[in-house]
Amino acid sequence: MAERLADLDLADMLQSDEAIAVFLTDAFDTGDARHISTALGIAARAAGLDHVASGMGVSLEDVRRSLDGNSNPTLETTLAIMKALGVGMAAVPLRSAS
């Protein structure tokens, strides 16, 4: 019989602001809104939902509702979460200048 592997929680692997920034950058690079939303939730759990809620000036329940996995956070919410995480967003060209 196959051995069962322990559940992996990516939030446990994000131990620094730099790791969270790289993780979110990779998520944004996909261009997939659902993937980005999921990654924001993982990053928020890594930093601590209480910390994120405090940084956003909202309740813990509001943060949970924004990142419940079925939601599609607004740009305003996404930026507030990122600010609370201590990371920013940058625009980069998708094609080289010609």
PDB file of N, CA and C in Angstrom:
ATOM      1  N   MET A   1       0.848  -1.179   0.000  1.00  0.00           N
ATOM      2  CA  MET A   1       0.000   0.000   0.000  1.00  0.00           C
ATOM      3  C   MET A   1       0.894   1.243   0.000  1.00  0.00           C
ATOM      4  N   ALA A   2       0.452   2.267  -0.699  1.00  0.00           N
ATOM      5  CA  ALA A   2       1.220   3.512  -0.799  1.00  0.00           C
ATOM      6  C   ALA A   2       1.216   4.248   0.529  1.00  0.00           C
ATOM      7  N   GLU A   3       2.337   4.868   0.802  1.00  0.00           N
ATOM      8  CA  GLU A   3       2.466   5.657   2.034  1.00  0.00           C
ATOM      9  C   GLU A   3       1.815   7.015   1.824  1.00  0.00           C
ATOM     10  N   ARG A   4       1.027   7.467   2.787  1.00  0.00           N
ATOM     11  CA  ARG A   4       0.363   8.762   2.696  1.00  0.00           C
ATOM     12  C   ARG A   4       1.352   9.856   3.079  1.00  0.00           C
ATOM     13  N   LEU A   5       1.428  10.860   2.234  1.00  0.00           N
ATOM     14  CA  LEU A   5       2.291  12.000   2.504  1.00  0.00           C
ATOM     15  C   LEU A   5       1.540  13.024   3.334  1.00  0.00           C
ATOM     16  N   ALA A   6       2.267  13.747   4.148  1.00  0.00           N
ATOM     17  CA  ALA A   6       1.655  14.805   4.960  1.00  0.00           C
ATOM     18  C   ALA A   6       1.151  15.910   4.042  1.00  0.00           C
ATOM     19  N   ASP A   7       0.105  16.590   4.474  1.00  0.00           N
ATOM     20  CA  ASP A   7      -0.419  17.717   3.703  1.00  0.00           C
ATOM     21  C   ASP A   7       0.614  18.835   3.685  1.00  0.00           C
ATOM     22  N   LEU A   8       0.795  19.414   2.531  1.00  0.00           N
ATOM     23  CA  LEU A   8       1.740  20.511   2.360  1.00  0.00           C
ATOM     24  C   LEU A   8       0.980  21.827   2.396  1.00  0.00           C
ATOM     25  N   ASP A   9       1.401  22.738   3.242  1.00  0.00           N
ATOM     26  CA  ASP A   9       0.806  24.067   3.299  1.00  0.00           C
ATOM     27  C   ASP A   9       1.859  25.063   2.837  1.00  0.00           C
ATOM     28  N   LEU A  10       1.659  25.646   1.677  1.00  0.00           N
ATOM     29  CA  LEU A  10       2.633  26.583   1.125  1.00  0.00           C
ATOM     30  C   LEU A  10       2.882  27.773   2.046  1.00  0.00           C
ATOM     31  N   ALA A  11       1.896  28.143   2.838  1.00  0.00           N
ATOM     32  CA  ALA A  11       2.068  29.277   3.755  1.00  0.00           C
ATOM     33  C   ALA A  11       3.216  29.017   4.726  1.00  0.00           C
ATOM     34  N   ASP A  12       3.430  27.762   5.096  1.00  0.00           N
ATOM     35  CA  ASP A  12       4.523  27.428   6.010  1.00  0.00           C
ATOM     36  C   ASP A  12       5.894  27.666   5.388  1.00  0.00           C
ATOM     37  N   MET A  13       5.954  27.723   4.068  1.00  0.00           N
ATOM     38  CA  MET A  13       7.236  27.884   3.376  1.00  0.00           C
ATOM     39  C   MET A  13       7.601  29.348   3.155  1.00  0.00           C
ATOM     40  N   LEU A  14       6.651  30.233   3.337  1.00  0.00           N
ATOM     41  CA  LEU A  14       6.884  31.659   3.099  1.00  0.00           C
ATOM     42  C   LEU A  14       7.301  32.314   4.405  1.00  0.00           C
ATOM     43  N   GLN A  15       8.591  32.294   4.679  1.00  0.00           N
ATOM     44  CA  GLN A  15       9.118  32.727   5.969  1.00  0.00           C
ATOM     45  C   GLN A  15       9.680  34.146   5.979  1.00  0.00           C
ATOM     46  N   SER A  16       9.651  34.837   4.846  1.00  0.00           N
ATOM     47  CA  SER A  16      10.209  36.195   4.809  1.00  0.00           C
ATOM     48  C   SER A  16       9.403  37.060   3.840  1.00  0.00           C
ATOM     49  N   ASP A  17       9.580  38.362   3.966  1.00  0.00           N
ATOM     50  CA  ASP A  17       8.922  39.289   3.039  1.00  0.00           C
ATOM     51  C   ASP A  17       9.379  39.026   1.607  1.00  0.00           C
ATOM     52  N   GLU A  18      10.662  38.696   1.453  1.00  0.00           N
ATOM     53  CA  GLU A  18      11.205  38.419   0.122  1.00  0.00           C
ATOM     54  C   GLU A  18      10.548  37.183  -0.480  1.00  0.00           C
ATOM     55  N   ALA A  19      10.359  36.144   0.317  1.00  0.00           N
ATOM     56  CA  ALA A  19       9.712  34.921  -0.174  1.00  0.00           C
ATOM     57  C   ALA A  19       8.275  35.201  -0.584  1.00  0.00           C
ATOM     58  N   ILE A  20       7.576  36.006   0.204  1.00  0.00           N
ATOM     59  CA  ILE A  20       6.196  36.366  -0.134  1.00  0.00           C
ATOM     60  C   ILE A  20       6.171  37.165  -1.436  1.00  0.00           C
ATOM     61  N   ALA A  21       7.101  38.104  -1.596  1.00  0.00           N
ATOM     62  CA  ALA A  21       7.146  38.917  -2.818  1.00  0.00           C
ATOM     63  C   ALA A  21       7.411  38.057  -4.045  1.00  0.00           C
ATOM     64  N   VAL A  22       8.335  37.122  -3.960  1.00  0.00           N
ATOM     65  CA  VAL A  22       8.627  36.233  -5.085  1.00  0.00           C
ATOM     66  C   VAL A  22       7.417  35.358  -5.396  1.00  0.00           C
ATOM     67  N   PHE A  23       6.792  34.824  -4.358  1.00  0.00           N
ATOM     68  CA  PHE A  23       5.605  33.974  -4.519  1.00  0.00           C
ATOM     69  C   PHE A  23       4.486  34.729  -5.237  1.00  0.00           C
ATOM     70  N   LEU A  24       4.229  35.969  -4.806  1.00  0.00           N
ATOM     71  CA  LEU A  24       3.166  36.758  -5.433  1.00  0.00           C
ATOM     72  C   LEU A  24       3.544  37.192  -6.846  1.00  0.00           C
ATOM     73  N   THR A  25       4.804  37.511  -7.077  1.00  0.00           N
ATOM     74  CA  THR A  25       5.257  37.857  -8.426  1.00  0.00           C
ATOM     75  C   THR A  25       5.010  36.702  -9.380  1.00  0.00           C
ATOM     76  N   ASP A  26       5.342  35.497  -8.947  1.00  0.00           N
ATOM     77  CA  ASP A  26       5.081  34.318  -9.776  1.00  0.00           C
ATOM     78  C   ASP A  26       3.594  34.160 -10.056  1.00  0.00           C
ATOM     79  N   ALA A  27       2.765  34.419  -9.048  1.00  0.00           N
ATOM     80  CA  ALA A  27       1.316  34.316  -9.239  1.00  0.00           C
ATOM     81  C   ALA A  27       0.833  35.352 -10.246  1.00  0.00           C
ATOM     82  N   PHE A  28       1.297  36.597 -10.118  1.00  0.00           N
ATOM     83  CA  PHE A  28       0.886  37.646 -11.052  1.00  0.00           C
ATOM     84  C   PHE A  28       1.369  37.345 -12.464  1.00  0.00           C
ATOM     85  N   ASP A  29       2.521  36.707 -12.591  1.00  0.00           N
ATOM     86  CA  ASP A  29       3.043  36.357 -13.912  1.00  0.00           C
ATOM     87  C   ASP A  29       2.137  35.391 -14.669  1.00  0.00           C
ATOM     88  N   THR A  30       1.305  34.643 -13.957  1.00  0.00           N
ATOM     89  CA  THR A  30       0.399  33.710 -14.636  1.00  0.00           C
ATOM     90  C   THR A  30      -0.727  34.440 -15.356  1.00  0.00           C
ATOM     91  N   GLY A  31      -1.106  35.626 -14.859  1.00  0.00           N
ATOM     92  CA  GLY A  31      -2.218  36.354 -15.435  1.00  0.00           C
ATOM     93  C   GLY A  31      -3.572  35.733 -15.120  1.00  0.00           C
ATOM     94  N   ASP A  32      -3.596  34.760 -14.235  1.00  0.00           N
ATOM     95  CA  ASP A  32      -4.817  34.033 -13.879  1.00  0.00           C
ATOM     96  C   ASP A  32      -5.375  34.600 -12.578  1.00  0.00           C
ATOM     97  N   ALA A  33      -6.519  35.267 -12.665  1.00  0.00           N
ATOM     98  CA  ALA A  33      -7.101  35.949 -11.501  1.00  0.00           C
ATOM     99  C   ALA A  33      -7.362  34.994 -10.345  1.00  0.00           C
ATOM    100  N   ARG A  34      -7.852  33.810 -10.625  1.00  0.00           N
ATOM    101  CA  ARG A  34      -8.137  32.839  -9.555  1.00  0.00           C
ATOM    102  C   ARG A  34      -6.837  32.405  -8.867  1.00  0.00           C
ATOM    103  N   HIS A  35      -5.793  32.184  -9.662  1.00  0.00           N
ATOM    104  CA  HIS A  35      -4.500  31.790  -9.089  1.00  0.00           C
ATOM    105  C   HIS A  35      -3.937  32.915  -8.217  1.00  0.00           C
ATOM    106  N   ILE A  36      -4.060  34.142  -8.695  1.00  0.00           N
ATOM    107  CA  ILE A  36      -3.575  35.300  -7.936  1.00  0.00           C
ATOM    108  C   ILE A  36      -4.331  35.423  -6.621  1.00  0.00           C
ATOM    109  N   SER A  37      -5.637  35.270  -6.663  1.00  0.00           N
ATOM    110  CA  SER A  37      -6.453  35.343  -5.450  1.00  0.00           C
ATOM    111  C   SER A  37      -6.043  34.264  -4.452  1.00  0.00           C
ATOM    112  N   THR A  38      -5.833  33.055  -4.946  1.00  0.00           N
ATOM    113  CA  THR A  38      -5.402  31.962  -4.075  1.00  0.00           C
ATOM    114  C   THR A  38      -4.036  32.266  -3.467  1.00  0.00           C
ATOM    115  N   ALA A  39      -3.122  32.786  -4.279  1.00  0.00           N
ATOM    116  CA  ALA A  39      -1.781  33.120  -3.792  1.00  0.00           C
ATOM    117  C   ALA A  39      -1.837  34.224  -2.735  1.00  0.00           C
ATOM    118  N   LEU A  40      -2.717  35.208  -2.913  1.00  0.00           N
ATOM    119  CA  LEU A  40      -2.880  36.267  -1.906  1.00  0.00           C
ATOM    120  C   LEU A  40      -3.332  35.668  -0.577  1.00  0.00           C
ATOM    121  N   GLY A  41      -4.249  34.716  -0.648  1.00  0.00           N
ATOM    122  CA  GLY A  41      -4.722  34.052   0.571  1.00  0.00           C
ATOM    123  C   GLY A  41      -3.619  33.286   1.263  1.00  0.00           C
ATOM    124  N   ILE A  42      -2.798  32.588   0.490  1.00  0.00           N
ATOM    125  CA  ILE A  42      -1.677  31.836   1.061  1.00  0.00           C
ATOM    126  C   ILE A  42      -0.685  32.792   1.696  1.00  0.00           C
ATOM    127  N   ALA A  43      -0.361  33.875   0.997  1.00  0.00           N
ATOM    128  CA  ALA A  43       0.578  34.860   1.534  1.00  0.00           C
ATOM    129  C   ALA A  43       0.036  35.508   2.800  1.00  0.00           C
ATOM    130  N   ALA A  44      -1.259  35.803   2.812  1.00  0.00           N
ATOM    131  CA  ALA A  44      -1.871  36.414   4.000  1.00  0.00           C
ATOM    132  C   ALA A  44      -1.800  35.454   5.190  1.00  0.00           C
ATOM    133  N   ARG A  45      -2.037  34.167   4.957  1.00  0.00           N
ATOM    134  CA  ARG A  45      -1.925  33.193   6.044  1.00  0.00           C
ATOM    135  C   ARG A  45      -0.482  33.094   6.525  1.00  0.00           C
ATOM    136  N   ALA A  46       0.466  33.188   5.595  1.00  0.00           N
ATOM    137  CA  ALA A  46       1.880  33.115   5.968  1.00  0.00           C
ATOM    138  C   ALA A  46       2.267  34.279   6.877  1.00  0.00           C
ATOM    139  N   ALA A  47       1.754  35.460   6.562  1.00  0.00           N
ATOM    140  CA  ALA A  47       2.076  36.651   7.350  1.00  0.00           C
ATOM    141  C   ALA A  47       1.245  36.730   8.624  1.00  0.00           C
ATOM    142  N   GLY A  48       0.142  36.006   8.654  1.00  0.00           N
ATOM    143  CA  GLY A  48      -0.779  36.041   9.792  1.00  0.00           C
ATOM    144  C   GLY A  48      -1.989  36.875   9.444  1.00  0.00           C
ATOM    145  N   LEU A  49      -3.144  36.252   9.435  1.00  0.00           N
ATOM    146  CA  LEU A  49      -4.362  36.966   9.064  1.00  0.00           C
ATOM    147  C   LEU A  49      -4.647  38.140   9.998  1.00  0.00           C
ATOM    148  N   ASP A  50      -4.315  37.985  11.281  1.00  0.00           N
ATOM    149  CA  ASP A  50      -4.510  39.100  12.221  1.00  0.00           C
ATOM    150  C   ASP A  50      -3.658  40.296  11.814  1.00  0.00           C
ATOM    151  N   HIS A  51      -2.409  40.033  11.424  1.00  0.00           N
ATOM    152  CA  HIS A  51      -1.485  41.083  10.990  1.00  0.00           C
ATOM    153  C   HIS A  51      -2.030  41.782   9.743  1.00  0.00           C
ATOM    154  N   VAL A  52      -2.527  41.005   8.793  1.00  0.00           N
ATOM    155  CA  VAL A  52      -3.069  41.568   7.558  1.00  0.00           C
ATOM    156  C   VAL A  52      -4.308  42.402   7.862  1.00  0.00           C
ATOM    157  N   ALA A  53      -5.209  41.883   8.673  1.00  0.00           N
ATOM    158  CA  ALA A  53      -6.425  42.630   9.030  1.00  0.00           C
ATOM    159  C   ALA A  53      -6.065  43.952   9.696  1.00  0.00           C
ATOM    160  N   SER A  54      -5.118  43.911  10.617  1.00  0.00           N
ATOM    161  CA  SER A  54      -4.685  45.130  11.305  1.00  0.00           C
ATOM    162  C   SER A  54      -4.094  46.128  10.316  1.00  0.00           C
ATOM    163  N   GLY A  55      -3.270  45.639   9.395  1.00  0.00           N
ATOM    164  CA  GLY A  55      -2.647  46.508   8.398  1.00  0.00           C
ATOM    165  C   GLY A  55      -3.645  47.115   7.433  1.00  0.00           C
ATOM    166  N   MET A  56      -4.753  46.411   7.226  1.00  0.00           N
ATOM    167  CA  MET A  56      -5.794  46.915   6.333  1.00  0.00           C
ATOM    168  C   MET A  56      -6.804  47.785   7.066  1.00  0.00           C
ATOM    169  N   GLY A  57      -6.815  47.707   8.396  1.00  0.00           N
ATOM    170  CA  GLY A  57      -7.793  48.450   9.175  1.00  0.00           C
ATOM    171  C   GLY A  57      -9.183  47.848   9.092  1.00  0.00           C
ATOM    172  N   VAL A  58      -9.237  46.517   8.935  1.00  0.00           N
ATOM    173  CA  VAL A  58     -10.530  45.818   8.849  1.00  0.00           C
ATOM    174  C   VAL A  58     -10.525  44.661   9.844  1.00  0.00           C
ATOM    175  N   SER A  59     -11.663  44.015   9.962  1.00  0.00           N
ATOM    176  CA  SER A  59     -11.762  42.886  10.884  1.00  0.00           C
ATOM    177  C   SER A  59     -11.163  41.623  10.266  1.00  0.00           C
ATOM    178  N   LEU A  60     -10.812  40.705  11.129  1.00  0.00           N
ATOM    179  CA  LEU A  60     -10.301  39.412  10.686  1.00  0.00           C
ATOM    180  C   LEU A  60     -11.328  38.716   9.797  1.00  0.00           C
ATOM    181  N   GLU A  61     -12.590  38.832  10.161  1.00  0.00           N
ATOM    182  CA  GLU A  61     -13.656  38.221   9.358  1.00  0.00           C
ATOM    183  C   GLU A  61     -13.721  38.827   7.960  1.00  0.00           C
ATOM    184  N   ASP A  62     -13.488  40.129   7.836  1.00  0.00           N
ATOM    185  CA  ASP A  62     -13.478  40.771   6.517  1.00  0.00           C
ATOM    186  C   ASP A  62     -12.350  40.221   5.650  1.00  0.00           C
ATOM    187  N   VAL A  63     -11.186  40.001   6.253  1.00  0.00           N
ATOM    188  CA  VAL A  63     -10.064  39.436   5.506  1.00  0.00           C
ATOM    189  C   VAL A  63     -10.400  38.018   5.066  1.00  0.00           C
ATOM    190  N   ARG A  64     -10.928  37.229   5.977  1.00  0.00           N
ATOM    191  CA  ARG A  64     -11.300  35.848   5.626  1.00  0.00           C
ATOM    192  C   ARG A  64     -12.317  35.819   4.494  1.00  0.00           C
ATOM    193  N   ARG A  65     -13.289  36.707   4.548  1.00  0.00           N
ATOM    194  CA  ARG A  65     -14.328  36.756   3.514  1.00  0.00           C
ATOM    195  C   ARG A  65     -13.716  37.161   2.169  1.00  0.00           C
ATOM    196  N   SER A  66     -12.759  38.083   2.193  1.00  0.00           N
ATOM    197  CA  SER A  66     -12.114  38.538   0.955  1.00  0.00           C
ATOM    198  C   SER A  66     -11.270  37.449   0.313  1.00  0.00           C
ATOM    199  N   LEU A  67     -10.789  36.519   1.121  1.00  0.00           N
ATOM    200  CA  LEU A  67      -9.862  35.498   0.628  1.00  0.00           C
ATOM    201  C   LEU A  67     -10.393  34.090   0.801  1.00  0.00           C
ATOM    202  N   ASP A  68     -11.695  33.934   0.735  1.00  0.00           N
ATOM    203  CA  ASP A  68     -12.287  32.626   1.030  1.00  0.00           C
ATOM    204  C   ASP A  68     -12.085  31.579  -0.056  1.00  0.00           C
ATOM    205  N   GLY A  69     -11.432  31.911  -1.149  1.00  0.00           N
ATOM    206  CA  GLY A  69     -11.196  30.941  -2.203  1.00  0.00           C
ATOM    207  C   GLY A  69     -12.249  30.981  -3.294  1.00  0.00           C
ATOM    208  N   ASN A  70     -13.410  31.490  -2.974  1.00  0.00           N
ATOM    209  CA  ASN A  70     -14.471  31.617  -3.977  1.00  0.00           C
ATOM    210  C   ASN A  70     -14.666  33.060  -4.400  1.00  0.00           C
ATOM    211  N   SER A  71     -13.922  33.951  -3.753  1.00  0.00           N
ATOM    212  CA  SER A  71     -14.109  35.364  -4.050  1.00  0.00           C
ATOM    213  C   SER A  71     -13.159  35.810  -5.150  1.00  0.00           C
ATOM    214  N   ASN A  72     -13.443  36.963  -5.678  1.00  0.00           N
ATOM    215  CA  ASN A  72     -12.569  37.606  -6.648  1.00  0.00           C
ATOM    216  C   ASN A  72     -12.325  39.009  -6.101  1.00  0.00           C
ATOM    217  N   PRO A  73     -11.266  39.170  -5.275  1.00  0.00           N
ATOM    218  CA  PRO A  73     -11.062  40.459  -4.608  1.00  0.00           C
ATOM    219  C   PRO A  73     -10.944  41.605  -5.609  1.00  0.00           C
ATOM    220  N   THR A  74     -11.481  42.736  -5.229  1.00  0.00           N
ATOM    221  CA  THR A  74     -11.353  43.930  -6.065  1.00  0.00           C
ATOM    222  C   THR A  74      -9.893  44.368  -6.075  1.00  0.00           C
ATOM    223  N   LEU A  75      -9.571  45.242  -7.010  1.00  0.00           N
ATOM    224  CA  LEU A  75      -8.223  45.792  -7.054  1.00  0.00           C
ATOM    225  C   LEU A  75      -7.921  46.537  -5.757  1.00  0.00           C
ATOM    226  N   GLU A  76      -8.900  47.245  -5.233  1.00  0.00           N
ATOM    227  CA  GLU A  76      -8.724  47.974  -3.974  1.00  0.00           C
ATOM    228  C   GLU A  76      -8.360  47.011  -2.841  1.00  0.00           C
ATOM    229  N   THR A  77      -9.066  45.893  -2.752  1.00  0.00           N
ATOM    230  CA  THR A  77      -8.780  44.901  -1.715  1.00  0.00           C
ATOM    231  C   THR A  77      -7.417  44.266  -1.938  1.00  0.00           C
ATOM    232  N   THR A  78      -7.115  43.933  -3.191  1.00  0.00           N
ATOM    233  CA  THR A  78      -5.818  43.331  -3.517  1.00  0.00           C
ATOM    234  C   THR A  78      -4.677  44.254  -3.101  1.00  0.00           C
ATOM    235  N   LEU A  79      -4.787  45.529  -3.447  1.00  0.00           N
ATOM    236  CA  LEU A  79      -3.739  46.489  -3.082  1.00  0.00           C
ATOM    237  C   LEU A  79      -3.630  46.652  -1.567  1.00  0.00           C
ATOM    238  N   ALA A  80      -4.750  46.644  -0.863  1.00  0.00           N
ATOM    239  CA  ALA A  80      -4.734  46.772   0.599  1.00  0.00           C
ATOM    240  C   ALA A  80      -4.065  45.559   1.236  1.00  0.00           C
ATOM    241  N   ILE A  81      -4.353  44.381   0.725  1.00  0.00           N
ATOM    242  CA  ILE A  81      -3.717  43.163   1.245  1.00  0.00           C
ATOM    243  C   ILE A  81      -2.218  43.220   0.983  1.00  0.00           C
ATOM    244  N   MET A  82      -1.845  43.594  -0.222  1.00  0.00           N
ATOM    245  CA  MET A  82      -0.424  43.663  -0.561  1.00  0.00           C
ATOM    246  C   MET A  82       0.305  44.688   0.310  1.00  0.00           C
ATOM    247  N   LYS A  83      -0.325  45.826   0.549  1.00  0.00           N
ATOM    248  CA  LYS A  83       0.287  46.843   1.414  1.00  0.00           C
ATOM    249  C   LYS A  83       0.466  46.293   2.822  1.00  0.00           C
ATOM    250  N   ALA A  84      -0.541  45.588   3.333  1.00  0.00           N
ATOM    251  CA  ALA A  84      -0.450  44.993   4.668  1.00  0.00           C
ATOM    252  C   ALA A  84       0.655  43.929   4.719  1.00  0.00           C
ATOM    253  N   LEU A  85       0.899  43.268   3.589  1.00  0.00           N
ATOM    254  CA  LEU A  85       1.968  42.268   3.513  1.00  0.00           C
ATOM    255  C   LEU A  85       3.340  42.909   3.340  1.00  0.00           C
ATOM    256  N   GLY A  86       3.364  44.198   3.038  1.00  0.00           N
ATOM    257  CA  GLY A  86       4.638  44.890   2.846  1.00  0.00           C
ATOM    258  C   GLY A  86       5.235  44.677   1.470  1.00  0.00           C
ATOM    259  N   VAL A  87       4.374  44.398   0.486  1.00  0.00           N
ATOM    260  CA  VAL A  87       4.848  44.230  -0.889  1.00  0.00           C
ATOM    261  C   VAL A  87       4.069  45.170  -1.790  1.00  0.00           C
ATOM    262  N   GLY A  88       4.629  45.460  -2.944  1.00  0.00           N
ATOM    263  CA  GLY A  88       3.981  46.353  -3.889  1.00  0.00           C
ATOM    264  C   GLY A  88       3.751  45.664  -5.214  1.00  0.00           C
ATOM    265  N   MET A  89       3.202  46.417  -6.137  1.00  0.00           N
ATOM    266  CA  MET A  89       2.925  45.903  -7.472  1.00  0.00           C
ATOM    267  C   MET A  89       3.658  46.791  -8.463  1.00  0.00           C
ATOM    268  N   ALA A  90       4.192  46.192  -9.503  1.00  0.00           N
ATOM    269  CA  ALA A  90       4.899  46.955 -10.525  1.00  0.00           C
ATOM    270  C   ALA A  90       4.457  46.501 -11.899  1.00  0.00           C
ATOM    271  N   ALA A  91       4.407  47.427 -12.841  1.00  0.00           N
ATOM    272  CA  ALA A  91       4.084  47.091 -14.212  1.00  0.00           C
ATOM    273  C   ALA A  91       5.385  46.860 -14.973  1.00  0.00           C
ATOM    274  N   VAL A  92       5.413  45.820 -15.770  1.00  0.00           N
ATOM    275  CA  VAL A  92       6.567  45.515 -16.608  1.00  0.00           C
ATOM    276  C   VAL A  92       6.080  45.289 -18.031  1.00  0.00           C
ATOM    277  N   PRO A  93       6.885  45.644 -19.021  1.00  0.00           N
ATOM    278  CA  PRO A  93       6.446  45.437 -20.403  1.00  0.00           C
ATOM    279  C   PRO A  93       6.314  43.944 -20.711  1.00  0.00           C
ATOM    280  N   LEU A  94       5.277  43.592 -21.465  1.00  0.00           N
ATOM    281  CA  LEU A  94       5.080  42.201 -21.855  1.00  0.00           C
ATOM    282  C   LEU A  94       5.864  41.850 -23.102  1.00  0.00           C
ATOM    283  N   ARG A  95       6.256  42.863 -23.852  1.00  0.00           N
ATOM    284  CA  ARG A  95       7.053  42.636 -25.048  1.00  0.00           C
ATOM    285  C   ARG A  95       8.167  43.672 -25.077  1.00  0.00           C
ATOM    286  N   SER A  96       9.215  43.349 -25.767  1.00  0.00           N
ATOM    287  CA  SER A  96      10.345  44.286 -25.803  1.00  0.00           C
ATOM    288  C   SER A  96      10.026  45.444 -26.742  1.00  0.00           C
ATOM    289  N   ALA A  97      10.634  46.590 -26.461  1.00  0.00           N
ATOM    290  CA  ALA A  97      10.441  47.779 -27.305  1.00  0.00           C
ATOM    291  C   ALA A  97      11.110  47.539 -28.640  1.00  0.00           C
ATOM    292  N   SER A  98      10.459  47.992 -29.716  1.00  0.00           N
ATOM    293  CA  SER A  98      11.075  47.819 -31.035  1.00  0.00           C
ATOM    294  C   SER A  98      11.152  49.104 -31.796  1.00  0.00           C
TER     295      SER A  98
END
